[in-house]
Amino acid sequence: MFSYQLHFRAVAAINEVKLLGRVGAEPQRRGTEEHPVVIFSLATHTNYKYESGEFVQRTDWHRICVFKPSLREVVYNYLKKGQRVYITGRLTYGEVKDGEGNTRTTTAVVADDVIFFQSSEPS
């Protein structure tokens, strides 16, 4: 009789995001009591120059989700619109249904750490 063994080999994978930008709006509490989350938007910029010599700044908006309990509370209580932050985390993808039942894909960054660089208000 033959004996077959299945061998699973762990293969390394990386899903890591690092962003430095400005908060677009006050953080919001979402989710349920069982699965709370704090969400906010983050703007990052890319500067480039056309062949004509004209400089352009492109803004990309990122949806940031914070699930870690202690980090979630700090972000909700202290992060303000306009504040500059450095975020490390991972990309996640999903689907949501709008009010008319249409399915829409979503992309978000699940934050592992949020480093506050400065207050949004001048000192």
PDB file of N, CA and C in Angstrom:
ATOM      1  N   MET A   1       0.835  -1.161   0.000  1.00  0.00           N
ATOM      2  CA  MET A   1       0.000   0.000   0.000  1.00  0.00           C
ATOM      3  C   MET A   1       0.893   1.241   0.000  1.00  0.00           C
ATOM      4  N   PHE A   2       0.459   2.248  -0.768  1.00  0.00           N
ATOM      5  CA  PHE A   2       1.222   3.490  -0.879  1.00  0.00           C
ATOM      6  C   PHE A   2       0.713   4.509   0.129  1.00  0.00           C
ATOM      7  N   SER A   3       1.619   5.254   0.654  1.00  0.00           N
ATOM      8  CA  SER A   3       1.256   6.314   1.587  1.00  0.00           C
ATOM      9  C   SER A   3       1.627   7.651   0.951  1.00  0.00           C
ATOM     10  N   TYR A   4       0.658   8.497   0.792  1.00  0.00           N
ATOM     11  CA  TYR A   4       0.894   9.824   0.223  1.00  0.00           C
ATOM     12  C   TYR A   4       0.828  10.862   1.327  1.00  0.00           C
ATOM     13  N   GLN A   5       1.795  11.715   1.324  1.00  0.00           N
ATOM     14  CA  GLN A   5       1.789  12.821   2.268  1.00  0.00           C
ATOM     15  C   GLN A   5       1.775  14.119   1.479  1.00  0.00           C
ATOM     16  N   LEU A   6       0.925  14.990   1.897  1.00  0.00           N
ATOM     17  CA  LEU A   6       0.883  16.295   1.269  1.00  0.00           C
ATOM     18  C   LEU A   6       1.803  17.229   2.041  1.00  0.00           C
ATOM     19  N   HIS A   7       2.671  17.866   1.328  1.00  0.00           N
ATOM     20  CA  HIS A   7       3.587  18.808   1.963  1.00  0.00           C
ATOM     21  C   HIS A   7       3.222  20.209   1.502  1.00  0.00           C
ATOM     22  N   PHE A   8       2.957  21.052   2.458  1.00  0.00           N
ATOM     23  CA  PHE A   8       2.669  22.444   2.158  1.00  0.00           C
ATOM     24  C   PHE A   8       3.891  23.257   2.533  1.00  0.00           C
ATOM     25  N   ARG A   9       4.317  24.022   1.604  1.00  0.00           N
ATOM     26  CA  ARG A   9       5.484  24.859   1.842  1.00  0.00           C
ATOM     27  C   ARG A   9       5.029  26.307   1.948  1.00  0.00           C
ATOM     28  N   ALA A  10       5.394  26.947   3.028  1.00  0.00           N
ATOM     29  CA  ALA A  10       5.044  28.355   3.192  1.00  0.00           C
ATOM     30  C   ALA A  10       5.900  29.180   2.244  1.00  0.00           C
ATOM     31  N   VAL A  11       5.242  29.959   1.430  1.00  0.00           N
ATOM     32  CA  VAL A  11       5.938  30.806   0.476  1.00  0.00           C
ATOM     33  C   VAL A  11       5.820  32.242   0.963  1.00  0.00           C
ATOM     34  N   ALA A  12       6.931  32.931   0.977  1.00  0.00           N
ATOM     35  CA  ALA A  12       6.936  34.311   1.449  1.00  0.00           C
ATOM     36  C   ALA A  12       6.094  35.196   0.540  1.00  0.00           C
ATOM     37  N   ALA A  13       5.379  36.108   1.147  1.00  0.00           N
ATOM     38  CA  ALA A  13       4.584  37.091   0.411  1.00  0.00           C
ATOM     39  C   ALA A  13       4.649  38.403   1.184  1.00  0.00           C
ATOM     40  N   ILE A  14       4.566  39.480   0.454  1.00  0.00           N
ATOM     41  CA  ILE A  14       4.617  40.792   1.097  1.00  0.00           C
ATOM     42  C   ILE A  14       3.419  41.623   0.646  1.00  0.00           C
ATOM     43  N   ASN A  15       2.726  42.187   1.591  1.00  0.00           N
ATOM     44  CA  ASN A  15       1.657  43.136   1.337  1.00  0.00           C
ATOM     45  C   ASN A  15       1.902  44.273   2.315  1.00  0.00           C
ATOM     46  N   GLU A  16       2.687  45.245   1.874  1.00  0.00           N
ATOM     47  CA  GLU A  16       3.095  46.328   2.754  1.00  0.00           C
ATOM     48  C   GLU A  16       2.924  47.667   2.054  1.00  0.00           C
ATOM     49  N   VAL A  17       2.351  48.618   2.776  1.00  0.00           N
ATOM     50  CA  VAL A  17       2.117  49.958   2.242  1.00  0.00           C
ATOM     51  C   VAL A  17       2.708  50.959   3.217  1.00  0.00           C
ATOM     52  N   LYS A  18       3.360  51.979   2.669  1.00  0.00           N
ATOM     53  CA  LYS A  18       3.866  53.096   3.468  1.00  0.00           C
ATOM     54  C   LYS A  18       3.399  54.370   2.786  1.00  0.00           C
ATOM     55  N   LEU A  19       2.716  55.216   3.535  1.00  0.00           N
ATOM     56  CA  LEU A  19       2.191  56.465   2.983  1.00  0.00           C
ATOM     57  C   LEU A  19       2.535  57.629   3.907  1.00  0.00           C
ATOM     58  N   LEU A  20       2.871  58.748   3.294  1.00  0.00           N
ATOM     59  CA  LEU A  20       3.090  59.992   4.030  1.00  0.00           C
ATOM     60  C   LEU A  20       2.223  61.039   3.352  1.00  0.00           C
ATOM     61  N   GLY A  21       1.279  61.593   4.089  1.00  0.00           N
ATOM     62  CA  GLY A  21       0.381  62.564   3.482  1.00  0.00           C
ATOM     63  C   GLY A  21      -0.401  63.334   4.517  1.00  0.00           C
ATOM     64  N   ARG A  22      -1.463  63.974   4.044  1.00  0.00           N
ATOM     65  CA  ARG A  22      -2.313  64.788   4.923  1.00  0.00           C
ATOM     66  C   ARG A  22      -3.710  64.196   5.012  1.00  0.00           C
ATOM     67  N   VAL A  23      -4.258  64.273   6.217  1.00  0.00           N
ATOM     68  CA  VAL A  23      -5.597  63.756   6.491  1.00  0.00           C
ATOM     69  C   VAL A  23      -6.621  64.639   5.789  1.00  0.00           C
ATOM     70  N   GLY A  24      -7.558  64.010   5.055  1.00  0.00           N
ATOM     71  CA  GLY A  24      -8.530  64.754   4.267  1.00  0.00           C
ATOM     72  C   GLY A  24      -9.786  65.148   5.015  1.00  0.00           C
ATOM     73  N   ALA A  25     -10.132  64.428   6.065  1.00  0.00           N
ATOM     74  CA  ALA A  25     -11.354  64.719   6.831  1.00  0.00           C
ATOM     75  C   ALA A  25     -11.206  64.113   8.218  1.00  0.00           C
ATOM     76  N   GLU A  26     -12.031  64.572   9.146  1.00  0.00           N
ATOM     77  CA  GLU A  26     -11.993  64.030  10.507  1.00  0.00           C
ATOM     78  C   GLU A  26     -12.275  62.526  10.470  1.00  0.00           C
ATOM     79  N   PRO A  27     -11.567  61.729  11.278  1.00  0.00           N
ATOM     80  CA  PRO A  27     -11.826  60.287  11.325  1.00  0.00           C
ATOM     81  C   PRO A  27     -13.255  59.997  11.750  1.00  0.00           C
ATOM     82  N   GLN A  28     -13.797  58.896  11.230  1.00  0.00           N
ATOM     83  CA  GLN A  28     -15.173  58.497  11.540  1.00  0.00           C
ATOM     84  C   GLN A  28     -15.189  57.085  12.099  1.00  0.00           C
ATOM     85  N   ARG A  29     -16.072  56.873  13.075  1.00  0.00           N
ATOM     86  CA  ARG A  29     -16.285  55.510  13.599  1.00  0.00           C
ATOM     87  C   ARG A  29     -17.267  54.805  12.674  1.00  0.00           C
ATOM     88  N   ARG A  30     -16.945  53.582  12.345  1.00  0.00           N
ATOM     89  CA  ARG A  30     -17.822  52.757  11.510  1.00  0.00           C
ATOM     90  C   ARG A  30     -17.826  51.337  12.066  1.00  0.00           C
ATOM     91  N   GLY A  31     -18.457  50.446  11.332  1.00  0.00           N
ATOM     92  CA  GLY A  31     -18.483  49.050  11.732  1.00  0.00           C
ATOM     93  C   GLY A  31     -19.563  48.796  12.755  1.00  0.00           C
ATOM     94  N   THR A  32     -19.398  47.690  13.463  1.00  0.00           N
ATOM     95  CA  THR A  32     -20.366  47.281  14.477  1.00  0.00           C
ATOM     96  C   THR A  32     -19.693  47.294  15.838  1.00  0.00           C
ATOM     97  N   GLU A  33     -20.474  47.033  16.879  1.00  0.00           N
ATOM     98  CA  GLU A  33     -19.903  46.960  18.215  1.00  0.00           C
ATOM     99  C   GLU A  33     -18.901  45.809  18.299  1.00  0.00           C
ATOM    100  N   GLU A  34     -19.191  44.717  17.609  1.00  0.00           N
ATOM    101  CA  GLU A  34     -18.289  43.564  17.581  1.00  0.00           C
ATOM    102  C   GLU A  34     -17.036  43.826  16.759  1.00  0.00           C
ATOM    103  N   HIS A  35     -17.188  44.567  15.663  1.00  0.00           N
ATOM    104  CA  HIS A  35     -16.085  44.832  14.741  1.00  0.00           C
ATOM    105  C   HIS A  35     -15.977  46.331  14.441  1.00  0.00           C
ATOM    106  N   PRO A  36     -15.566  47.117  15.430  1.00  0.00           N
ATOM    107  CA  PRO A  36     -15.452  48.563  15.196  1.00  0.00           C
ATOM    108  C   PRO A  36     -14.237  48.902  14.338  1.00  0.00           C
ATOM    109  N   VAL A  37     -14.339  49.991  13.625  1.00  0.00           N
ATOM    110  CA  VAL A  37     -13.245  50.473  12.780  1.00  0.00           C
ATOM    111  C   VAL A  37     -13.325  51.991  12.733  1.00  0.00           C
ATOM    112  N   VAL A  38     -12.175  52.626  12.626  1.00  0.00           N
ATOM    113  CA  VAL A  38     -12.112  54.072  12.407  1.00  0.00           C
ATOM    114  C   VAL A  38     -11.560  54.265  11.004  1.00  0.00           C
ATOM    115  N   ILE A  39     -12.220  55.117  10.236  1.00  0.00           N
ATOM    116  CA  ILE A  39     -11.860  55.339   8.835  1.00  0.00           C
ATOM    117  C   ILE A  39     -11.571  56.821   8.620  1.00  0.00           C
ATOM    118  N   PHE A  40     -10.542  57.088   7.802  1.00  0.00           N
ATOM    119  CA  PHE A  40     -10.282  58.459   7.380  1.00  0.00           C
ATOM    120  C   PHE A  40      -9.613  58.429   6.014  1.00  0.00           C
ATOM    121  N   SER A  41      -9.614  59.575   5.343  1.00  0.00           N
ATOM    122  CA  SER A  41      -8.988  59.671   4.024  1.00  0.00           C
ATOM    123  C   SER A  41      -7.630  60.335   4.165  1.00  0.00           C
ATOM    124  N   LEU A  42      -6.725  59.951   3.278  1.00  0.00           N
ATOM    125  CA  LEU A  42      -5.377  60.491   3.287  1.00  0.00           C
ATOM    126  C   LEU A  42      -5.008  60.903   1.871  1.00  0.00           C
ATOM    127  N   ALA A  43      -4.481  62.102   1.727  1.00  0.00           N
ATOM    128  CA  ALA A  43      -4.052  62.606   0.415  1.00  0.00           C
ATOM    129  C   ALA A  43      -2.537  62.486   0.304  1.00  0.00           C
ATOM    130  N   THR A  44      -2.074  61.940  -0.818  1.00  0.00           N
ATOM    131  CA  THR A  44      -0.652  61.957  -1.145  1.00  0.00           C
ATOM    132  C   THR A  44      -0.506  62.655  -2.488  1.00  0.00           C
ATOM    133  N   HIS A  45       0.683  63.178  -2.751  1.00  0.00           N
ATOM    134  CA  HIS A  45       0.901  63.954  -3.973  1.00  0.00           C
ATOM    135  C   HIS A  45       2.067  63.404  -4.765  1.00  0.00           C
ATOM    136  N   THR A  46       1.946  63.485  -6.081  1.00  0.00           N
ATOM    137  CA  THR A  46       3.026  63.166  -6.994  1.00  0.00           C
ATOM    138  C   THR A  46       3.247  64.383  -7.871  1.00  0.00           C
ATOM    139  N   ASN A  47       4.485  64.848  -7.948  1.00  0.00           N
ATOM    140  CA  ASN A  47       4.815  65.998  -8.782  1.00  0.00           C
ATOM    141  C   ASN A  47       5.531  65.515 -10.035  1.00  0.00           C
ATOM    142  N   TYR A  48       5.162  66.073 -11.158  1.00  0.00           N
ATOM    143  CA  TYR A  48       5.865  65.760 -12.401  1.00  0.00           C
ATOM    144  C   TYR A  48       5.820  66.950 -13.330  1.00  0.00           C
ATOM    145  N   LYS A  49       6.633  66.872 -14.379  1.00  0.00           N
ATOM    146  CA  LYS A  49       6.771  67.991 -15.302  1.00  0.00           C
ATOM    147  C   LYS A  49       6.492  67.507 -16.723  1.00  0.00           C
ATOM    148  N   TYR A  50       5.607  68.243 -17.415  1.00  0.00           N
ATOM    149  CA  TYR A  50       5.335  67.958 -18.822  1.00  0.00           C
ATOM    150  C   TYR A  50       6.530  68.379 -19.678  1.00  0.00           C
ATOM    151  N   GLU A  51       6.589  67.865 -20.898  1.00  0.00           N
ATOM    152  CA  GLU A  51       7.655  68.255 -21.826  1.00  0.00           C
ATOM    153  C   GLU A  51       7.650  69.761 -22.081  1.00  0.00           C
ATOM    154  N   SER A  52       6.468  70.381 -21.958  1.00  0.00           N
ATOM    155  CA  SER A  52       6.357  71.829 -22.167  1.00  0.00           C
ATOM    156  C   SER A  52       7.011  72.625 -21.032  1.00  0.00           C
ATOM    157  N   GLY A  53       7.371  71.948 -19.949  1.00  0.00           N
ATOM    158  CA  GLY A  53       7.976  72.621 -18.801  1.00  0.00           C
ATOM    159  C   GLY A  53       6.989  72.905 -17.687  1.00  0.00           C
ATOM    160  N   GLU A  54       5.707  72.672 -17.933  1.00  0.00           N
ATOM    161  CA  GLU A  54       4.672  72.920 -16.932  1.00  0.00           C
ATOM    162  C   GLU A  54       4.739  71.861 -15.825  1.00  0.00           C
ATOM    163  N   PHE A  55       4.749  72.331 -14.561  1.00  0.00           N
ATOM    164  CA  PHE A  55       4.745  71.419 -13.420  1.00  0.00           C
ATOM    165  C   PHE A  55       3.305  71.109 -13.031  1.00  0.00           C
ATOM    166  N   VAL A  56       3.062  69.854 -12.677  1.00  0.00           N
ATOM    167  CA  VAL A  56       1.731  69.410 -12.281  1.00  0.00           C
ATOM    168  C   VAL A  56       1.851  68.603 -10.993  1.00  0.00           C
ATOM    169  N   GLN A  57       0.893  68.784 -10.119  1.00  0.00           N
ATOM    170  CA  GLN A  57       0.830  67.981  -8.904  1.00  0.00           C
ATOM    171  C   GLN A  57      -0.445  67.142  -8.955  1.00  0.00           C
ATOM    172  N   ARG A  58      -0.282  65.839  -8.881  1.00  0.00           N
ATOM    173  CA  ARG A  58      -1.430  64.936  -8.891  1.00  0.00           C
ATOM    174  C   ARG A  58      -1.676  64.478  -7.459  1.00  0.00           C
ATOM    175  N   THR A  59      -2.928  64.526  -7.042  1.00  0.00           N
ATOM    176  CA  THR A  59      -3.308  64.088  -5.700  1.00  0.00           C
ATOM    177  C   THR A  59      -4.015  62.751  -5.786  1.00  0.00           C
ATOM    178  N   ASP A  60      -3.560  61.795  -4.975  1.00  0.00           N
ATOM    179  CA  ASP A  60      -4.230  60.502  -4.851  1.00  0.00           C
ATOM    180  C   ASP A  60      -4.841  60.427  -3.460  1.00  0.00           C
ATOM    181  N   TRP A  61      -6.067  59.903  -3.392  1.00  0.00           N
ATOM    182  CA  TRP A  61      -6.770  59.762  -2.121  1.00  0.00           C
ATOM    183  C   TRP A  61      -6.794  58.305  -1.724  1.00  0.00           C
ATOM    184  N   HIS A  62      -6.509  58.051  -0.451  1.00  0.00           N
ATOM    185  CA  HIS A  62      -6.451  56.692   0.075  1.00  0.00           C
ATOM    186  C   HIS A  62      -7.433  56.571   1.235  1.00  0.00           C
ATOM    187  N   ARG A  63      -8.112  55.438   1.296  1.00  0.00           N
ATOM    188  CA  ARG A  63      -9.023  55.160   2.406  1.00  0.00           C
ATOM    189  C   ARG A  63      -8.240  54.352   3.432  1.00  0.00           C
ATOM    190  N   ILE A  64      -8.149  54.895   4.645  1.00  0.00           N
ATOM    191  CA  ILE A  64      -7.378  54.252   5.710  1.00  0.00           C
ATOM    192  C   ILE A  64      -8.353  53.692   6.749  1.00  0.00           C
ATOM    193  N   CYS A  65      -8.169  52.428   7.117  1.00  0.00           N
ATOM    194  CA  CYS A  65      -9.005  51.760   8.115  1.00  0.00           C
ATOM    195  C   CYS A  65      -8.127  51.346   9.292  1.00  0.00           C
ATOM    196  N   VAL A  66      -8.590  51.647  10.495  1.00  0.00           N
ATOM    197  CA  VAL A  66      -7.828  51.308  11.702  1.00  0.00           C
ATOM    198  C   VAL A  66      -8.683  50.371  12.557  1.00  0.00           C
ATOM    199  N   PHE A  67      -8.197  49.138  12.734  1.00  0.00           N
ATOM    200  CA  PHE A  67      -8.911  48.132  13.516  1.00  0.00           C
ATOM    201  C   PHE A  67      -8.294  47.898  14.892  1.00  0.00           C
ATOM    202  N   LYS A  68      -6.980  48.087  15.032  1.00  0.00           N
ATOM    203  CA  LYS A  68      -6.302  47.839  16.318  1.00  0.00           C
ATOM    204  C   LYS A  68      -6.924  48.720  17.387  1.00  0.00           C
ATOM    205  N   PRO A  69      -7.408  48.127  18.486  1.00  0.00           N
ATOM    206  CA  PRO A  69      -8.147  48.901  19.496  1.00  0.00           C
ATOM    207  C   PRO A  69      -7.432  50.150  20.021  1.00  0.00           C
ATOM    208  N   SER A  70      -6.205  50.042  20.483  1.00  0.00           N
ATOM    209  CA  SER A  70      -5.546  51.222  21.062  1.00  0.00           C
ATOM    210  C   SER A  70      -5.238  52.261  19.990  1.00  0.00           C
ATOM    211  N   LEU A  71      -4.789  51.820  18.832  1.00  0.00           N
ATOM    212  CA  LEU A  71      -4.497  52.741  17.729  1.00  0.00           C
ATOM    213  C   LEU A  71      -5.776  53.403  17.229  1.00  0.00           C
ATOM    214  N   ARG A  72      -6.844  52.631  17.153  1.00  0.00           N
ATOM    215  CA  ARG A  72      -8.144  53.140  16.695  1.00  0.00           C
ATOM    216  C   ARG A  72      -8.610  54.297  17.580  1.00  0.00           C
ATOM    217  N   GLU A  73      -8.481  54.160  18.882  1.00  0.00           N
ATOM    218  CA  GLU A  73      -8.931  55.202  19.802  1.00  0.00           C
ATOM    219  C   GLU A  73      -8.060  56.449  19.711  1.00  0.00           C
ATOM    220  N   VAL A  74      -6.756  56.276  19.603  1.00  0.00           N
ATOM    221  CA  VAL A  74      -5.849  57.429  19.481  1.00  0.00           C
ATOM    222  C   VAL A  74      -6.154  58.190  18.197  1.00  0.00           C
ATOM    223  N   VAL A  75      -6.320  57.470  17.097  1.00  0.00           N
ATOM    224  CA  VAL A  75      -6.616  58.112  15.813  1.00  0.00           C
ATOM    225  C   VAL A  75      -7.940  58.860  15.890  1.00  0.00           C
ATOM    226  N   TYR A  76      -8.958  58.224  16.446  1.00  0.00           N
ATOM    227  CA  TYR A  76     -10.275  58.865  16.507  1.00  0.00           C
ATOM    228  C   TYR A  76     -10.251  60.122  17.381  1.00  0.00           C
ATOM    229  N   ASN A  77      -9.544  60.058  18.492  1.00  0.00           N
ATOM    230  CA  ASN A  77      -9.548  61.168  19.450  1.00  0.00           C
ATOM    231  C   ASN A  77      -8.590  62.306  19.118  1.00  0.00           C
ATOM    232  N   TYR A  78      -7.494  62.024  18.411  1.00  0.00           N
ATOM    233  CA  TYR A  78      -6.463  63.043  18.241  1.00  0.00           C
ATOM    234  C   TYR A  78      -6.130  63.428  16.805  1.00  0.00           C
ATOM    235  N   LEU A  79      -6.459  62.606  15.838  1.00  0.00           N
ATOM    236  CA  LEU A  79      -6.128  62.926  14.450  1.00  0.00           C
ATOM    237  C   LEU A  79      -7.106  63.962  13.905  1.00  0.00           C
ATOM    238  N   LYS A  80      -6.581  64.975  13.248  1.00  0.00           N
ATOM    239  CA  LYS A  80      -7.412  66.071  12.740  1.00  0.00           C
ATOM    240  C   LYS A  80      -7.198  66.274  11.252  1.00  0.00           C
ATOM    241  N   LYS A  81      -8.205  66.816  10.603  1.00  0.00           N
ATOM    242  CA  LYS A  81      -8.126  67.162   9.180  1.00  0.00           C
ATOM    243  C   LYS A  81      -6.928  68.079   8.938  1.00  0.00           C
ATOM    244  N   GLY A  82      -6.171  67.783   7.892  1.00  0.00           N
ATOM    245  CA  GLY A  82      -5.020  68.596   7.539  1.00  0.00           C
ATOM    246  C   GLY A  82      -3.721  68.153   8.179  1.00  0.00           C
ATOM    247  N   GLN A  83      -3.818  67.276   9.173  1.00  0.00           N
ATOM    248  CA  GLN A  83      -2.629  66.823   9.872  1.00  0.00           C
ATOM    249  C   GLN A  83      -1.780  65.925   8.970  1.00  0.00           C
ATOM    250  N   ARG A  84      -0.485  66.024   9.120  1.00  0.00           N
ATOM    251  CA  ARG A  84       0.439  65.210   8.338  1.00  0.00           C
ATOM    252  C   ARG A  84       0.739  63.937   9.125  1.00  0.00           C
ATOM    253  N   VAL A  85       0.599  62.772   8.467  1.00  0.00           N
ATOM    254  CA  VAL A  85       0.833  61.497   9.142  1.00  0.00           C
ATOM    255  C   VAL A  85       1.583  60.532   8.224  1.00  0.00           C
ATOM    256  N   TYR A  86       2.272  59.596   8.867  1.00  0.00           N
ATOM    257  CA  TYR A  86       2.968  58.509   8.180  1.00  0.00           C
ATOM    258  C   TYR A  86       2.259  57.228   8.572  1.00  0.00           C
ATOM    259  N   ILE A  87       1.860  56.450   7.578  1.00  0.00           N
ATOM    260  CA  ILE A  87       1.072  55.250   7.832  1.00  0.00           C
ATOM    261  C   ILE A  87       1.787  54.033   7.262  1.00  0.00           C
ATOM    262  N   THR A  88       1.833  52.970   8.057  1.00  0.00           N
ATOM    263  CA  THR A  88       2.270  51.680   7.540  1.00  0.00           C
ATOM    264  C   THR A  88       1.103  50.726   7.691  1.00  0.00           C
ATOM    265  N   GLY A  89       0.957  49.844   6.723  1.00  0.00           N
ATOM    266  CA  GLY A  89      -0.145  48.906   6.769  1.00  0.00           C
ATOM    267  C   GLY A  89      -0.127  47.980   5.581  1.00  0.00           C
ATOM    268  N   ARG A  90      -1.317  47.497   5.217  1.00  0.00           N
ATOM    269  CA  ARG A  90      -1.438  46.558   4.094  1.00  0.00           C
ATOM    270  C   ARG A  90      -2.673  46.887   3.274  1.00  0.00           C
ATOM    271  N   LEU A  91      -2.608  46.539   1.996  1.00  0.00           N
ATOM    272  CA  LEU A  91      -3.750  46.749   1.108  1.00  0.00           C
ATOM    273  C   LEU A  91      -4.790  45.675   1.317  1.00  0.00           C
ATOM    274  N   THR A  92      -6.038  46.072   1.212  1.00  0.00           N
ATOM    275  CA  THR A  92      -7.131  45.116   1.267  1.00  0.00           C
ATOM    276  C   THR A  92      -8.167  45.510   0.221  1.00  0.00           C
ATOM    277  N   TYR A  93      -8.853  44.527  -0.312  1.00  0.00           N
ATOM    278  CA  TYR A  93      -9.838  44.752  -1.366  1.00  0.00           C
ATOM    279  C   TYR A  93     -11.163  44.135  -0.943  1.00  0.00           C
ATOM    280  N   GLY A  94     -12.257  44.728  -1.396  1.00  0.00           N
ATOM    281  CA  GLY A  94     -13.567  44.201  -1.052  1.00  0.00           C
ATOM    282  C   GLY A  94     -14.634  44.726  -1.992  1.00  0.00           C
ATOM    283  N   GLU A  95     -15.871  44.409  -1.643  1.00  0.00           N
ATOM    284  CA  GLU A  95     -17.028  44.865  -2.416  1.00  0.00           C
ATOM    285  C   GLU A  95     -18.083  45.389  -1.459  1.00  0.00           C
ATOM    286  N   VAL A  96     -18.777  46.436  -1.884  1.00  0.00           N
ATOM    287  CA  VAL A  96     -19.908  46.972  -1.126  1.00  0.00           C
ATOM    288  C   VAL A  96     -21.067  47.187  -2.084  1.00  0.00           C
ATOM    289  N   LYS A  97     -22.271  47.162  -1.533  1.00  0.00           N
ATOM    290  CA  LYS A  97     -23.458  47.449  -2.351  1.00  0.00           C
ATOM    291  C   LYS A  97     -23.962  48.825  -1.995  1.00  0.00           C
ATOM    292  N   ASP A  98     -24.269  49.616  -3.023  1.00  0.00           N
ATOM    293  CA  ASP A  98     -24.800  50.949  -2.774  1.00  0.00           C
ATOM    294  C   ASP A  98     -26.300  50.861  -2.521  1.00  0.00           C
ATOM    295  N   GLY A  99     -26.936  51.997  -2.345  1.00  0.00           N
ATOM    296  CA  GLY A  99     -28.364  52.054  -2.040  1.00  0.00           C
ATOM    297  C   GLY A  99     -29.254  51.418  -3.089  1.00  0.00           C
ATOM    298  N   GLU A 100     -28.786  51.375  -4.346  1.00  0.00           N
ATOM    299  CA  GLU A 100     -29.579  50.773  -5.426  1.00  0.00           C
ATOM    300  C   GLU A 100     -29.228  49.314  -5.675  1.00  0.00           C
ATOM    301  N   GLY A 101     -28.349  48.749  -4.839  1.00  0.00           N
ATOM    302  CA  GLY A 101     -27.994  47.338  -4.985  1.00  0.00           C
ATOM    303  C   GLY A 101     -26.852  47.066  -5.953  1.00  0.00           C
ATOM    304  N   ASN A 102     -26.222  48.124  -6.465  1.00  0.00           N
ATOM    305  CA  ASN A 102     -25.083  47.941  -7.363  1.00  0.00           C
ATOM    306  C   ASN A 102     -23.835  47.595  -6.556  1.00  0.00           C
ATOM    307  N   THR A 103     -23.072  46.626  -7.054  1.00  0.00           N
ATOM    308  CA  THR A 103     -21.842  46.228  -6.385  1.00  0.00           C
ATOM    309  C   THR A 103     -20.693  47.112  -6.851  1.00  0.00           C
ATOM    310  N   ARG A 104     -19.910  47.557  -5.881  1.00  0.00           N
ATOM    311  CA  ARG A 104     -18.778  48.426  -6.168  1.00  0.00           C
ATOM    312  C   ARG A 104     -17.555  47.853  -5.462  1.00  0.00           C
ATOM    313  N   THR A 105     -16.423  47.825  -6.155  1.00  0.00           N
ATOM    314  CA  THR A 105     -15.202  47.329  -5.525  1.00  0.00           C
ATOM    315  C   THR A 105     -14.563  48.443  -4.710  1.00  0.00           C
ATOM    316  N   THR A 106     -13.907  48.054  -3.626  1.00  0.00           N
ATOM    317  CA  THR A 106     -13.242  49.021  -2.766  1.00  0.00           C
ATOM    318  C   THR A 106     -11.795  48.597  -2.528  1.00  0.00           C
ATOM    319  N   THR A 107     -10.973  49.568  -2.303  1.00  0.00           N
ATOM    320  CA  THR A 107      -9.584  49.343  -1.920  1.00  0.00           C
ATOM    321  C   THR A 107      -9.318  50.200  -0.693  1.00  0.00           C
ATOM    322  N   ALA A 108      -8.652  49.634   0.287  1.00  0.00           N
ATOM    323  CA  ALA A 108      -8.338  50.379   1.504  1.00  0.00           C
ATOM    324  C   ALA A 108      -6.972  49.945   2.014  1.00  0.00           C
ATOM    325  N   VAL A 109      -6.420  50.775   2.872  1.00  0.00           N
ATOM    326  CA  VAL A 109      -5.191  50.438   3.576  1.00  0.00           C
ATOM    327  C   VAL A 109      -5.583  50.161   5.024  1.00  0.00           C
ATOM    328  N   VAL A 110      -5.293  48.960   5.496  1.00  0.00           N
ATOM    329  CA  VAL A 110      -5.511  48.632   6.901  1.00  0.00           C
ATOM    330  C   VAL A 110      -4.241  49.031   7.638  1.00  0.00           C
ATOM    331  N   ALA A 111      -4.357  50.021   8.507  1.00  0.00           N
ATOM    332  CA  ALA A 111      -3.193  50.604   9.176  1.00  0.00           C
ATOM    333  C   ALA A 111      -2.710  49.726  10.321  1.00  0.00           C
ATOM    334  N   ASP A 112      -1.396  49.489  10.337  1.00  0.00           N
ATOM    335  CA  ASP A 112      -0.748  48.831  11.467  1.00  0.00           C
ATOM    336  C   ASP A 112      -0.178  49.878  12.412  1.00  0.00           C
ATOM    337  N   ASP A 113       0.203  51.038  11.842  1.00  0.00           N
ATOM    338  CA  ASP A 113       0.752  52.110  12.653  1.00  0.00           C
ATOM    339  C   ASP A 113       0.433  53.453  11.998  1.00  0.00           C
ATOM    340  N   VAL A 114       0.185  54.453  12.808  1.00  0.00           N
ATOM    341  CA  VAL A 114      -0.055  55.815  12.339  1.00  0.00           C
ATOM    342  C   VAL A 114       0.836  56.718  13.181  1.00  0.00           C
ATOM    343  N   ILE A 115       1.763  57.390  12.513  1.00  0.00           N
ATOM    344  CA  ILE A 115       2.683  58.289  13.209  1.00  0.00           C
ATOM    345  C   ILE A 115       2.268  59.725  12.908  1.00  0.00           C
ATOM    346  N   PHE A 116       1.975  60.473  13.955  1.00  0.00           N
ATOM    347  CA  PHE A 116       1.540  61.868  13.846  1.00  0.00           C
ATOM    348  C   PHE A 116       2.786  62.737  13.682  1.00  0.00           C
ATOM    349  N   PHE A 117       2.834  63.556  12.620  1.00  0.00           N
ATOM    350  CA  PHE A 117       3.975  64.413  12.408  1.00  0.00           C
ATOM    351  C   PHE A 117       3.812  65.785  13.013  1.00  0.00           C
ATOM    352  N   GLN A 118       2.622  66.330  12.931  1.00  0.00           N
ATOM    353  CA  GLN A 118       2.403  67.676  13.458  1.00  0.00           C
ATOM    354  C   GLN A 118       0.920  67.877  13.637  1.00  0.00           C
ATOM    355  N   SER A 119       0.587  68.863  14.411  1.00  0.00           N
ATOM    356  CA  SER A 119      -0.809  69.238  14.586  1.00  0.00           C
ATOM    357  C   SER A 119      -1.257  69.993  13.338  1.00  0.00           C
ATOM    358  N   SER A 120      -2.540  69.928  13.025  1.00  0.00           N
ATOM    359  CA  SER A 120      -3.067  70.643  11.875  1.00  0.00           C
ATOM    360  C   SER A 120      -3.194  72.143  12.158  1.00  0.00           C
ATOM    361  N   GLU A 121      -3.098  72.495  13.430  1.00  0.00           N
ATOM    362  CA  GLU A 121      -3.222  73.899  13.810  1.00  0.00           C
ATOM    363  C   GLU A 121      -1.836  74.496  14.039  1.00  0.00           C
ATOM    364  N   PRO A 122      -1.623  75.744  13.613  1.00  0.00           N
ATOM    365  CA  PRO A 122      -0.313  76.367  13.854  1.00  0.00           C
ATOM    366  C   PRO A 122      -0.053  76.572  15.329  1.00  0.00           C
ATOM    367  N   SER A 123       1.215  76.437  15.729  1.00  0.00           N
ATOM    368  CA  SER A 123       1.539  76.610  17.162  1.00  0.00           C
ATOM    369  C   SER A 123       1.697  78.057  17.519  1.00  0.00           C
TER     370      SER A 123
END
